[in-house]
Amino acid sequence: MYIQDDLQQRWWALEAKLVERFGKRPDMESILFLIGLQETGLTSKKISKEQKQDLMHVAVCTLLQPSGYFAFEKKDKDNWPHFKQLKEIPNYNLPDQENFLKDHVLLYFEQMGF
């Protein structure tokens, strides 16, 4: 239970920093979107639904890269990163899947110095 509590404490600390920075508490989709924007450098004022989904996919691939689930392959002509899946993502139940993702988000922001 201690590991779960530590994860939750670290998550709340990250949420507090994001609230301070953006003025509201982000959900997981918003955080993935933010990471996708960071990784692609996309600055378009109009972002289509498809682009939003692509940004979140880039975020998930980026987040799971350090754990060996994905490897960066290349950037395309539009500067979008492409990844190769190296191994299957564990088939967790919903709460465990969320914690798995939260742990990777925390690692990402830590590595970014946030």
PDB file of N, CA and C in Angstrom:
ATOM      1  N   MET A   1       0.813  -1.195   0.000  1.00  0.00           N
ATOM      2  CA  MET A   1       0.000   0.000   0.000  1.00  0.00           C
ATOM      3  C   MET A   1       0.859   1.262   0.000  1.00  0.00           C
ATOM      4  N   TYR A   2       2.057   1.169   0.567  1.00  0.00           N
ATOM      5  CA  TYR A   2       2.948   2.324   0.631  1.00  0.00           C
ATOM      6  C   TYR A   2       3.284   2.846  -0.764  1.00  0.00           C
ATOM      7  N   ILE A   3       3.550   1.945  -1.700  1.00  0.00           N
ATOM      8  CA  ILE A   3       3.901   2.363  -3.062  1.00  0.00           C
ATOM      9  C   ILE A   3       2.733   3.113  -3.686  1.00  0.00           C
ATOM     10  N   GLN A   4       1.528   2.610  -3.497  1.00  0.00           N
ATOM     11  CA  GLN A   4       0.328   3.258  -4.005  1.00  0.00           C
ATOM     12  C   GLN A   4       0.181   4.664  -3.405  1.00  0.00           C
ATOM     13  N   ASP A   5       0.390   4.780  -2.089  1.00  0.00           N
ATOM     14  CA  ASP A   5       0.287   6.079  -1.417  1.00  0.00           C
ATOM     15  C   ASP A   5       1.334   7.056  -1.945  1.00  0.00           C
ATOM     16  N   ASP A   6       2.560   6.566  -2.141  1.00  0.00           N
ATOM     17  CA  ASP A   6       3.633   7.410  -2.665  1.00  0.00           C
ATOM     18  C   ASP A   6       3.291   7.905  -4.063  1.00  0.00           C
ATOM     19  N   LEU A   7       2.781   7.025  -4.898  1.00  0.00           N
ATOM     20  CA  LEU A   7       2.381   7.409  -6.255  1.00  0.00           C
ATOM     21  C   LEU A   7       1.315   8.496  -6.186  1.00  0.00           C
ATOM     22  N   GLN A   8       0.334   8.302  -5.328  1.00  0.00           N
ATOM     23  CA  GLN A   8      -0.756   9.277  -5.214  1.00  0.00           C
ATOM     24  C   GLN A   8      -0.232  10.625  -4.706  1.00  0.00           C
ATOM     25  N   GLN A   9       0.665  10.609  -3.735  1.00  0.00           N
ATOM     26  CA  GLN A   9       1.239  11.858  -3.216  1.00  0.00           C
ATOM     27  C   GLN A   9       2.012  12.593  -4.314  1.00  0.00           C
ATOM     28  N   ARG A  10       2.815  11.851  -5.061  1.00  0.00           N
ATOM     29  CA  ARG A  10       3.590  12.464  -6.148  1.00  0.00           C
ATOM     30  C   ARG A  10       2.661  12.999  -7.235  1.00  0.00           C
ATOM     31  N   TRP A  11       1.571  12.268  -7.514  1.00  0.00           N
ATOM     32  CA  TRP A  11       0.613  12.697  -8.525  1.00  0.00           C
ATOM     33  C   TRP A  11      -0.068  13.999  -8.100  1.00  0.00           C
ATOM     34  N   TRP A  12      -0.479  14.061  -6.842  1.00  0.00           N
ATOM     35  CA  TRP A  12      -1.115  15.286  -6.340  1.00  0.00           C
ATOM     36  C   TRP A  12      -0.151  16.471  -6.406  1.00  0.00           C
ATOM     37  N   ALA A  13       1.123  16.227  -6.143  1.00  0.00           N
ATOM     38  CA  ALA A  13       2.121  17.305  -6.224  1.00  0.00           C
ATOM     39  C   ALA A  13       2.254  17.802  -7.667  1.00  0.00           C
ATOM     40  N   LEU A  14       2.259  16.871  -8.625  1.00  0.00           N
ATOM     41  CA  LEU A  14       2.322  17.266 -10.036  1.00  0.00           C
ATOM     42  C   LEU A  14       1.072  18.038 -10.420  1.00  0.00           C
ATOM     43  N   GLU A  15      -0.090  17.542 -10.019  1.00  0.00           N
ATOM     44  CA  GLU A  15      -1.339  18.249 -10.323  1.00  0.00           C
ATOM     45  C   GLU A  15      -1.308  19.672  -9.767  1.00  0.00           C
ATOM     46  N   ALA A  16      -0.797  19.833  -8.559  1.00  0.00           N
ATOM     47  CA  ALA A  16      -0.720  21.162  -7.957  1.00  0.00           C
ATOM     48  C   ALA A  16       0.164  22.087  -8.789  1.00  0.00           C
ATOM     49  N   LYS A  17       1.281  21.574  -9.276  1.00  0.00           N
ATOM     50  CA  LYS A  17       2.165  22.387 -10.124  1.00  0.00           C
ATOM     51  C   LYS A  17       1.473  22.765 -11.431  1.00  0.00           C
ATOM     52  N   LEU A  18       0.729  21.812 -12.002  1.00  0.00           N
ATOM     53  CA  LEU A  18       0.030  22.090 -13.258  1.00  0.00           C
ATOM     54  C   LEU A  18      -1.107  23.093 -13.046  1.00  0.00           C
ATOM     55  N   VAL A  19      -1.796  23.009 -11.915  1.00  0.00           N
ATOM     56  CA  VAL A  19      -2.837  23.988 -11.594  1.00  0.00           C
ATOM     57  C   VAL A  19      -2.215  25.370 -11.458  1.00  0.00           C
ATOM     58  N   GLU A  20      -1.074  25.425 -10.782  1.00  0.00           N
ATOM     59  CA  GLU A  20      -0.373  26.703 -10.607  1.00  0.00           C
ATOM     60  C   GLU A  20       0.023  27.283 -11.961  1.00  0.00           C
ATOM     61  N   ARG A  21       0.449  26.429 -12.864  1.00  0.00           N
ATOM     62  CA  ARG A  21       0.927  26.873 -14.175  1.00  0.00           C
ATOM     63  C   ARG A  21      -0.204  27.236 -15.137  1.00  0.00           C
ATOM     64  N   PHE A  22      -1.296  26.414 -15.133  1.00  0.00           N
ATOM     65  CA  PHE A  22      -2.345  26.584 -16.132  1.00  0.00           C
ATOM     66  C   PHE A  22      -3.685  27.072 -15.581  1.00  0.00           C
ATOM     67  N   GLY A  23      -3.806  27.143 -14.256  1.00  0.00           N
ATOM     68  CA  GLY A  23      -5.013  27.693 -13.673  1.00  0.00           C
ATOM     69  C   GLY A  23      -6.152  26.720 -13.446  1.00  0.00           C
ATOM     70  N   LYS A  24      -5.989  25.472 -13.866  1.00  0.00           N
ATOM     71  CA  LYS A  24      -7.019  24.480 -13.577  1.00  0.00           C
ATOM     72  C   LYS A  24      -6.414  23.087 -13.522  1.00  0.00           C
ATOM     73  N   ARG A  25      -7.135  22.193 -12.848  1.00  0.00           N
ATOM     74  CA  ARG A  25      -6.647  20.828 -12.659  1.00  0.00           C
ATOM     75  C   ARG A  25      -6.851  20.029 -13.944  1.00  0.00           C
ATOM     76  N   PRO A  26      -5.780  19.512 -14.527  1.00  0.00           N
ATOM     77  CA  PRO A  26      -5.917  18.766 -15.782  1.00  0.00           C
ATOM     78  C   PRO A  26      -6.274  17.304 -15.533  1.00  0.00           C
ATOM     79  N   ASP A  27      -7.034  16.724 -16.459  1.00  0.00           N
ATOM     80  CA  ASP A  27      -7.277  15.292 -16.404  1.00  0.00           C
ATOM     81  C   ASP A  27      -6.173  14.588 -17.210  1.00  0.00           C
ATOM     82  N   MET A  28      -6.208  13.272 -17.232  1.00  0.00           N
ATOM     83  CA  MET A  28      -5.144  12.516 -17.915  1.00  0.00           C
ATOM     84  C   MET A  28      -5.093  12.850 -19.404  1.00  0.00           C
ATOM     85  N   GLU A  29      -6.247  13.001 -20.041  1.00  0.00           N
ATOM     86  CA  GLU A  29      -6.255  13.353 -21.471  1.00  0.00           C
ATOM     87  C   GLU A  29      -5.547  14.677 -21.709  1.00  0.00           C
ATOM     88  N   SER A  30      -5.810  15.651 -20.869  1.00  0.00           N
ATOM     89  CA  SER A  30      -5.176  16.965 -21.005  1.00  0.00           C
ATOM     90  C   SER A  30      -3.666  16.869 -20.829  1.00  0.00           C
ATOM     91  N   ILE A  31      -3.244  16.050 -19.880  1.00  0.00           N
ATOM     92  CA  ILE A  31      -1.809  15.875 -19.640  1.00  0.00           C
ATOM     93  C   ILE A  31      -1.154  15.201 -20.840  1.00  0.00           C
ATOM     94  N   LEU A  32      -1.809  14.185 -21.393  1.00  0.00           N
ATOM     95  CA  LEU A  32      -1.264  13.514 -22.578  1.00  0.00           C
ATOM     96  C   LEU A  32      -1.204  14.488 -23.759  1.00  0.00           C
ATOM     97  N   PHE A  33      -2.237  15.301 -23.911  1.00  0.00           N
ATOM     98  CA  PHE A  33      -2.268  16.309 -24.962  1.00  0.00           C
ATOM     99  C   PHE A  33      -1.109  17.289 -24.798  1.00  0.00           C
ATOM    100  N   LEU A  34      -0.895  17.744 -23.584  1.00  0.00           N
ATOM    101  CA  LEU A  34       0.201  18.670 -23.279  1.00  0.00           C
ATOM    102  C   LEU A  34       1.564  18.046 -23.621  1.00  0.00           C
ATOM    103  N   ILE A  35       1.759  16.786 -23.238  1.00  0.00           N
ATOM    104  CA  ILE A  35       3.018  16.096 -23.539  1.00  0.00           C
ATOM    105  C   ILE A  35       3.181  15.945 -25.046  1.00  0.00           C
ATOM    106  N   GLY A  36       2.102  15.605 -25.736  1.00  0.00           N
ATOM    107  CA  GLY A  36       2.152  15.497 -27.198  1.00  0.00           C
ATOM    108  C   GLY A  36       2.554  16.807 -27.852  1.00  0.00           C
ATOM    109  N   LEU A  37       1.985  17.904 -27.365  1.00  0.00           N
ATOM    110  CA  LEU A  37       2.362  19.222 -27.883  1.00  0.00           C
ATOM    111  C   LEU A  37       3.843  19.495 -27.642  1.00  0.00           C
ATOM    112  N   GLN A  38       4.300  19.180 -26.446  1.00  0.00           N
ATOM    113  CA  GLN A  38       5.710  19.386 -26.086  1.00  0.00           C
ATOM    114  C   GLN A  38       6.630  18.584 -27.011  1.00  0.00           C
ATOM    115  N   GLU A  39       6.268  17.353 -27.275  1.00  0.00           N
ATOM    116  CA  GLU A  39       7.127  16.458 -28.058  1.00  0.00           C
ATOM    117  C   GLU A  39       7.128  16.766 -29.548  1.00  0.00           C
ATOM    118  N   THR A  40       6.026  17.311 -30.051  1.00  0.00           N
ATOM    119  CA  THR A  40       5.958  17.611 -31.485  1.00  0.00           C
ATOM    120  C   THR A  40       6.313  19.053 -31.801  1.00  0.00           C
ATOM    121  N   GLY A  41       6.154  19.928 -30.812  1.00  0.00           N
ATOM    122  CA  GLY A  41       6.385  21.345 -31.067  1.00  0.00           C
ATOM    123  C   GLY A  41       5.254  21.978 -31.858  1.00  0.00           C
ATOM    124  N   LEU A  42       4.127  21.294 -31.966  1.00  0.00           N
ATOM    125  CA  LEU A  42       2.983  21.797 -32.718  1.00  0.00           C
ATOM    126  C   LEU A  42       2.473  23.087 -32.080  1.00  0.00           C
ATOM    127  N   THR A  43       2.317  24.115 -32.893  1.00  0.00           N
ATOM    128  CA  THR A  43       1.869  25.416 -32.379  1.00  0.00           C
ATOM    129  C   THR A  43       0.629  25.925 -33.092  1.00  0.00           C
ATOM    130  N   SER A  44       0.022  25.104 -33.914  1.00  0.00           N
ATOM    131  CA  SER A  44      -1.171  25.504 -34.660  1.00  0.00           C
ATOM    132  C   SER A  44      -2.283  25.933 -33.715  1.00  0.00           C
ATOM    133  N   LYS A  45      -2.970  27.002 -34.082  1.00  0.00           N
ATOM    134  CA  LYS A  45      -4.074  27.469 -33.262  1.00  0.00           C
ATOM    135  C   LYS A  45      -5.285  26.541 -33.392  1.00  0.00           C
ATOM    136  N   LYS A  46      -5.465  25.958 -34.553  1.00  0.00           N
ATOM    137  CA  LYS A  46      -6.562  25.024 -34.806  1.00  0.00           C
ATOM    138  C   LYS A  46      -5.979  23.616 -34.839  1.00  0.00           C
ATOM    139  N   ILE A  47      -6.450  22.781 -33.930  1.00  0.00           N
ATOM    140  CA  ILE A  47      -5.986  21.400 -33.882  1.00  0.00           C
ATOM    141  C   ILE A  47      -7.203  20.509 -34.093  1.00  0.00           C
ATOM    142  N   SER A  48      -7.134  19.682 -35.125  1.00  0.00           N
ATOM    143  CA  SER A  48      -8.261  18.809 -35.437  1.00  0.00           C
ATOM    144  C   SER A  48      -8.369  17.682 -34.413  1.00  0.00           C
ATOM    145  N   LYS A  49      -9.511  17.032 -34.413  1.00  0.00           N
ATOM    146  CA  LYS A  49      -9.734  15.901 -33.517  1.00  0.00           C
ATOM    147  C   LYS A  49      -8.702  14.803 -33.800  1.00  0.00           C
ATOM    148  N   GLU A  50      -8.420  14.573 -35.066  1.00  0.00           N
ATOM    149  CA  GLU A  50      -7.426  13.564 -35.455  1.00  0.00           C
ATOM    150  C   GLU A  50      -6.030  13.947 -34.953  1.00  0.00           C
ATOM    151  N   GLN A  51      -5.678  15.212 -35.074  1.00  0.00           N
ATOM    152  CA  GLN A  51      -4.380  15.666 -34.567  1.00  0.00           C
ATOM    153  C   GLN A  51      -4.301  15.512 -33.048  1.00  0.00           C
ATOM    154  N   LYS A  52      -5.402  15.793 -32.363  1.00  0.00           N
ATOM    155  CA  LYS A  52      -5.422  15.636 -30.914  1.00  0.00           C
ATOM    156  C   LYS A  52      -5.168  14.179 -30.545  1.00  0.00           C
ATOM    157  N   GLN A  53      -5.807  13.253 -31.247  1.00  0.00           N
ATOM    158  CA  GLN A  53      -5.587  11.828 -31.004  1.00  0.00           C
ATOM    159  C   GLN A  53      -4.135  11.453 -31.309  1.00  0.00           C
ATOM    160  N   ASP A  54      -3.597  11.993 -32.395  1.00  0.00           N
ATOM    161  CA  ASP A  54      -2.198  11.719 -32.756  1.00  0.00           C
ATOM    162  C   ASP A  54      -1.248  12.261 -31.692  1.00  0.00           C
ATOM    163  N   LEU A  55      -1.541  13.442 -31.168  1.00  0.00           N
ATOM    164  CA  LEU A  55      -0.702  14.030 -30.120  1.00  0.00           C
ATOM    165  C   LEU A  55      -0.701  13.154 -28.867  1.00  0.00           C
ATOM    166  N   MET A  56      -1.871  12.627 -28.527  1.00  0.00           N
ATOM    167  CA  MET A  56      -1.956  11.757 -27.353  1.00  0.00           C
ATOM    168  C   MET A  56      -1.227  10.435 -27.608  1.00  0.00           C
ATOM    169  N   HIS A  57      -1.263   9.947 -28.833  1.00  0.00           N
ATOM    170  CA  HIS A  57      -0.515   8.732 -29.173  1.00  0.00           C
ATOM    171  C   HIS A  57       0.996   8.975 -29.053  1.00  0.00           C
ATOM    172  N   VAL A  58       1.445  10.113 -29.558  1.00  0.00           N
ATOM    173  CA  VAL A  58       2.869  10.481 -29.428  1.00  0.00           C
ATOM    174  C   VAL A  58       3.244  10.534 -27.948  1.00  0.00           C
ATOM    175  N   ALA A  59       2.358  11.089 -27.133  1.00  0.00           N
ATOM    176  CA  ALA A  59       2.621  11.184 -25.695  1.00  0.00           C
ATOM    177  C   ALA A  59       2.771   9.803 -25.068  1.00  0.00           C
ATOM    178  N   VAL A  60       1.856   8.901 -25.366  1.00  0.00           N
ATOM    179  CA  VAL A  60       1.912   7.558 -24.785  1.00  0.00           C
ATOM    180  C   VAL A  60       3.197   6.848 -25.225  1.00  0.00           C
ATOM    181  N   CYS A  61       3.528   6.933 -26.495  1.00  0.00           N
ATOM    182  CA  CYS A  61       4.762   6.302 -26.990  1.00  0.00           C
ATOM    183  C   CYS A  61       5.985   6.898 -26.296  1.00  0.00           C
ATOM    184  N   THR A  62       6.000   8.209 -26.151  1.00  0.00           N
ATOM    185  CA  THR A  62       7.111   8.893 -25.485  1.00  0.00           C
ATOM    186  C   THR A  62       7.209   8.462 -24.026  1.00  0.00           C
ATOM    187  N   LEU A  63       6.069   8.415 -23.359  1.00  0.00           N
ATOM    188  CA  LEU A  63       6.047   8.043 -21.943  1.00  0.00           C
ATOM    189  C   LEU A  63       6.542   6.614 -21.711  1.00  0.00           C
ATOM    190  N   LEU A  64       6.167   5.702 -22.597  1.00  0.00           N
ATOM    191  CA  LEU A  64       6.494   4.289 -22.397  1.00  0.00           C
ATOM    192  C   LEU A  64       7.835   3.891 -23.008  1.00  0.00           C
ATOM    193  N   GLN A  65       8.470   4.815 -23.685  1.00  0.00           N
ATOM    194  CA  GLN A  65       9.783   4.552 -24.294  1.00  0.00           C
ATOM    195  C   GLN A  65      10.847   4.160 -23.262  1.00  0.00           C
ATOM    196  N   PRO A  66      10.976   4.869 -22.128  1.00  0.00           N
ATOM    197  CA  PRO A  66      12.014   4.493 -21.162  1.00  0.00           C
ATOM    198  C   PRO A  66      11.845   3.081 -20.584  1.00  0.00           C
ATOM    199  N   SER A  67      10.618   2.564 -20.597  1.00  0.00           N
ATOM    200  CA  SER A  67      10.369   1.220 -20.080  1.00  0.00           C
ATOM    201  C   SER A  67      10.493   0.147 -21.157  1.00  0.00           C
ATOM    202  N   GLY A  68      10.902   0.554 -22.354  1.00  0.00           N
ATOM    203  CA  GLY A  68      11.166  -0.410 -23.411  1.00  0.00           C
ATOM    204  C   GLY A  68       9.961  -0.868 -24.205  1.00  0.00           C
ATOM    205  N   TYR A  69       8.837  -0.175 -24.093  1.00  0.00           N
ATOM    206  CA  TYR A  69       7.651  -0.562 -24.856  1.00  0.00           C
ATOM    207  C   TYR A  69       7.681  -0.019 -26.278  1.00  0.00           C
ATOM    208  N   PHE A  70       8.310   1.140 -26.451  1.00  0.00           N
ATOM    209  CA  PHE A  70       8.409   1.771 -27.762  1.00  0.00           C
ATOM    210  C   PHE A  70       9.829   2.273 -27.975  1.00  0.00           C
ATOM    211  N   ALA A  71      10.199   2.377 -29.257  1.00  0.00           N
ATOM    212  CA  ALA A  71      11.490   2.974 -29.628  1.00  0.00           C
ATOM    213  C   ALA A  71      11.210   4.039 -30.685  1.00  0.00           C
ATOM    214  N   PHE A  72      11.877   5.154 -30.537  1.00  0.00           N
ATOM    215  CA  PHE A  72      11.760   6.216 -31.530  1.00  0.00           C
ATOM    216  C   PHE A  72      12.362   5.723 -32.838  1.00  0.00           C
ATOM    217  N   GLU A  73      11.661   5.938 -33.952  1.00  0.00           N
ATOM    218  CA  GLU A  73      12.172   5.543 -35.263  1.00  0.00           C
ATOM    219  C   GLU A  73      12.678   6.735 -36.058  1.00  0.00           C
ATOM    220  N   LYS A  74      11.809   7.729 -36.248  1.00  0.00           N
ATOM    221  CA  LYS A  74      12.171   8.869 -37.095  1.00  0.00           C
ATOM    222  C   LYS A  74      11.141   9.972 -36.951  1.00  0.00           C
ATOM    223  N   LYS A  75      11.452  11.113 -37.511  1.00  0.00           N
ATOM    224  CA  LYS A  75      10.476  12.185 -37.656  1.00  0.00           C
ATOM    225  C   LYS A  75      10.133  12.271 -39.138  1.00  0.00           C
ATOM    226  N   ASP A  76       8.858  12.473 -39.435  1.00  0.00           N
ATOM    227  CA  ASP A  76       8.443  12.566 -40.831  1.00  0.00           C
ATOM    228  C   ASP A  76       8.673  13.982 -41.364  1.00  0.00           C
ATOM    229  N   LYS A  77       8.249  14.204 -42.593  1.00  0.00           N
ATOM    230  CA  LYS A  77       8.491  15.506 -43.240  1.00  0.00           C
ATOM    231  C   LYS A  77       7.796  16.658 -42.516  1.00  0.00           C
ATOM    232  N   ASP A  78       6.761  16.353 -41.746  1.00  0.00           N
ATOM    233  CA  ASP A  78       6.047  17.374 -40.977  1.00  0.00           C
ATOM    234  C   ASP A  78       6.569  17.478 -39.548  1.00  0.00           C
ATOM    235  N   ASN A  79       7.685  16.789 -39.284  1.00  0.00           N
ATOM    236  CA  ASN A  79       8.360  16.802 -37.979  1.00  0.00           C
ATOM    237  C   ASN A  79       7.598  16.050 -36.877  1.00  0.00           C
ATOM    238  N   TRP A  80       6.720  15.142 -37.267  1.00  0.00           N
ATOM    239  CA  TRP A  80       6.014  14.310 -36.292  1.00  0.00           C
ATOM    240  C   TRP A  80       6.858  13.080 -35.989  1.00  0.00           C
ATOM    241  N   PRO A  81       7.041  12.754 -34.715  1.00  0.00           N
ATOM    242  CA  PRO A  81       7.822  11.562 -34.360  1.00  0.00           C
ATOM    243  C   PRO A  81       7.028  10.277 -34.622  1.00  0.00           C
ATOM    244  N   HIS A  82       7.763   9.245 -35.009  1.00  0.00           N
ATOM    245  CA  HIS A  82       7.170   7.922 -35.229  1.00  0.00           C
ATOM    246  C   HIS A  82       7.928   6.920 -34.375  1.00  0.00           C
ATOM    247  N   PHE A  83       7.194   5.972 -33.835  1.00  0.00           N
ATOM    248  CA  PHE A  83       7.743   4.996 -32.908  1.00  0.00           C
ATOM    249  C   PHE A  83       7.445   3.583 -33.391  1.00  0.00           C
ATOM    250  N   LYS A  84       8.265   2.664 -32.925  1.00  0.00           N
ATOM    251  CA  LYS A  84       8.048   1.244 -33.192  1.00  0.00           C
ATOM    252  C   LYS A  84       7.747   0.582 -31.854  1.00  0.00           C
ATOM    253  N   GLN A  85       6.676  -0.216 -31.814  1.00  0.00           N
ATOM    254  CA  GLN A  85       6.344  -0.918 -30.580  1.00  0.00           C
ATOM    255  C   GLN A  85       7.259  -2.128 -30.445  1.00  0.00           C
ATOM    256  N   LEU A  86       7.918  -2.246 -29.277  1.00  0.00           N
ATOM    257  CA  LEU A  86       8.879  -3.310 -29.042  1.00  0.00           C
ATOM    258  C   LEU A  86       8.283  -4.483 -28.265  1.00  0.00           C
ATOM    259  N   LYS A  87       7.329  -4.178 -27.394  1.00  0.00           N
ATOM    260  CA  LYS A  87       6.685  -5.241 -26.624  1.00  0.00           C
ATOM    261  C   LYS A  87       5.274  -4.819 -26.283  1.00  0.00           C
ATOM    262  N   GLU A  88       4.459  -5.806 -25.948  1.00  0.00           N
ATOM    263  CA  GLU A  88       3.061  -5.561 -25.615  1.00  0.00           C
ATOM    264  C   GLU A  88       2.943  -4.780 -24.309  1.00  0.00           C
ATOM    265  N   ILE A  89       2.004  -3.872 -24.290  1.00  0.00           N
ATOM    266  CA  ILE A  89       1.700  -3.128 -23.069  1.00  0.00           C
ATOM    267  C   ILE A  89       0.872  -4.059 -22.177  1.00  0.00           C
ATOM    268  N   PRO A  90       1.183  -4.129 -20.902  1.00  0.00           N
ATOM    269  CA  PRO A  90       0.430  -5.032 -20.010  1.00  0.00           C
ATOM    270  C   PRO A  90      -1.073  -4.749 -20.045  1.00  0.00           C
ATOM    271  N   ASN A  91      -1.844  -5.793 -19.947  1.00  0.00           N
ATOM    272  CA  ASN A  91      -3.300  -5.682 -19.968  1.00  0.00           C
ATOM    273  C   ASN A  91      -3.814  -5.562 -18.536  1.00  0.00           C
ATOM    274  N   TYR A  92      -3.673  -4.366 -17.971  1.00  0.00           N
ATOM    275  CA  TYR A  92      -4.085  -4.112 -16.595  1.00  0.00           C
ATOM    276  C   TYR A  92      -5.571  -3.786 -16.525  1.00  0.00           C
ATOM    277  N   ASN A  93      -6.139  -3.949 -15.322  1.00  0.00           N
ATOM    278  CA  ASN A  93      -7.488  -3.439 -15.106  1.00  0.00           C
ATOM    279  C   ASN A  93      -7.385  -1.911 -15.078  1.00  0.00           C
ATOM    280  N   LEU A  94      -8.523  -1.243 -15.122  1.00  0.00           N
ATOM    281  CA  LEU A  94      -8.528   0.219 -15.278  1.00  0.00           C
ATOM    282  C   LEU A  94      -7.740   0.969 -14.199  1.00  0.00           C
ATOM    283  N   PRO A  95      -7.916   0.689 -12.909  1.00  0.00           N
ATOM    284  CA  PRO A  95      -7.129   1.420 -11.903  1.00  0.00           C
ATOM    285  C   PRO A  95      -5.623   1.173 -12.030  1.00  0.00           C
ATOM    286  N   ASP A  96      -5.226  -0.058 -12.312  1.00  0.00           N
ATOM    287  CA  ASP A  96      -3.803  -0.357 -12.466  1.00  0.00           C
ATOM    288  C   ASP A  96      -3.233   0.273 -13.736  1.00  0.00           C
ATOM    289  N   GLN A  97      -4.055   0.310 -14.789  1.00  0.00           N
ATOM    290  CA  GLN A  97      -3.627   0.948 -16.035  1.00  0.00           C
ATOM    291  C   GLN A  97      -3.383   2.442 -15.800  1.00  0.00           C
ATOM    292  N   GLU A  98      -4.279   3.064 -15.046  1.00  0.00           N
ATOM    293  CA  GLU A  98      -4.128   4.490 -14.737  1.00  0.00           C
ATOM    294  C   GLU A  98      -2.865   4.734 -13.913  1.00  0.00           C
ATOM    295  N   ASN A  99      -2.615   3.879 -12.925  1.00  0.00           N
ATOM    296  CA  ASN A  99      -1.406   4.031 -12.103  1.00  0.00           C
ATOM    297  C   ASN A  99      -0.146   3.801 -12.921  1.00  0.00           C
ATOM    298  N   PHE A 100      -0.181   2.840 -13.840  1.00  0.00           N
ATOM    299  CA  PHE A 100       0.941   2.568 -14.744  1.00  0.00           C
ATOM    300  C   PHE A 100       1.263   3.824 -15.552  1.00  0.00           C
ATOM    301  N   LEU A 101       0.233   4.445 -16.091  1.00  0.00           N
ATOM    302  CA  LEU A 101       0.411   5.660 -16.881  1.00  0.00           C
ATOM    303  C   LEU A 101       0.850   6.830 -16.006  1.00  0.00           C
ATOM    304  N   LYS A 102       0.247   6.971 -14.829  1.00  0.00           N
ATOM    305  CA  LYS A 102       0.631   8.052 -13.914  1.00  0.00           C
ATOM    306  C   LYS A 102       2.112   7.966 -13.560  1.00  0.00           C
ATOM    307  N   ASP A 103       2.583   6.761 -13.283  1.00  0.00           N
ATOM    308  CA  ASP A 103       3.993   6.571 -12.938  1.00  0.00           C
ATOM    309  C   ASP A 103       4.898   7.034 -14.076  1.00  0.00           C
ATOM    310  N   HIS A 104       4.513   6.737 -15.303  1.00  0.00           N
ATOM    311  CA  HIS A 104       5.311   7.161 -16.462  1.00  0.00           C
ATOM    312  C   HIS A 104       5.219   8.667 -16.698  1.00  0.00           C
ATOM    313  N   VAL A 105       4.054   9.246 -16.439  1.00  0.00           N
ATOM    314  CA  VAL A 105       3.900  10.703 -16.555  1.00  0.00           C
ATOM    315  C   VAL A 105       4.797  11.391 -15.536  1.00  0.00           C
ATOM    316  N   LEU A 106       4.802  10.892 -14.312  1.00  0.00           N
ATOM    317  CA  LEU A 106       5.649  11.475 -13.267  1.00  0.00           C
ATOM    318  C   LEU A 106       7.122  11.399 -13.643  1.00  0.00           C
ATOM    319  N   LEU A 107       7.545  10.276 -14.187  1.00  0.00           N
ATOM    320  CA  LEU A 107       8.933  10.122 -14.627  1.00  0.00           C
ATOM    321  C   LEU A 107       9.257  11.126 -15.738  1.00  0.00           C
ATOM    322  N   TYR A 108       8.336  11.298 -16.681  1.00  0.00           N
ATOM    323  CA  TYR A 108       8.538  12.243 -17.776  1.00  0.00           C
ATOM    324  C   TYR A 108       8.754  13.652 -17.238  1.00  0.00           C
ATOM    325  N   PHE A 109       7.855  14.100 -16.368  1.00  0.00           N
ATOM    326  CA  PHE A 109       7.968  15.469 -15.852  1.00  0.00           C
ATOM    327  C   PHE A 109       9.211  15.639 -14.982  1.00  0.00           C
ATOM    328  N   GLU A 110       9.592  14.587 -14.270  1.00  0.00           N
ATOM    329  CA  GLU A 110      10.820  14.627 -13.481  1.00  0.00           C
ATOM    330  C   GLU A 110      12.028  14.791 -14.399  1.00  0.00           C
ATOM    331  N   GLN A 111      12.056  14.020 -15.480  1.00  0.00           N
ATOM    332  CA  GLN A 111      13.179  14.111 -16.427  1.00  0.00           C
ATOM    333  C   GLN A 111      13.210  15.453 -17.139  1.00  0.00           C
ATOM    334  N   MET A 112      12.048  16.095 -17.277  1.00  0.00           N
ATOM    335  CA  MET A 112      11.967  17.405 -17.915  1.00  0.00           C
ATOM    336  C   MET A 112      12.313  18.532 -16.937  1.00  0.00           C
ATOM    337  N   GLY A 113      12.520  18.156 -15.659  1.00  0.00           N
ATOM    338  CA  GLY A 113      12.874  19.156 -14.658  1.00  0.00           C
ATOM    339  C   GLY A 113      11.708  19.997 -14.197  1.00  0.00           C
ATOM    340  N   PHE A 114      10.516  19.460 -14.319  1.00  0.00           N
ATOM    341  CA  PHE A 114       9.318  20.225 -13.941  1.00  0.00           C
ATOM    342  C   PHE A 114       8.966  19.955 -12.509  1.00  0.00           C
TER     343      PHE A 114
END
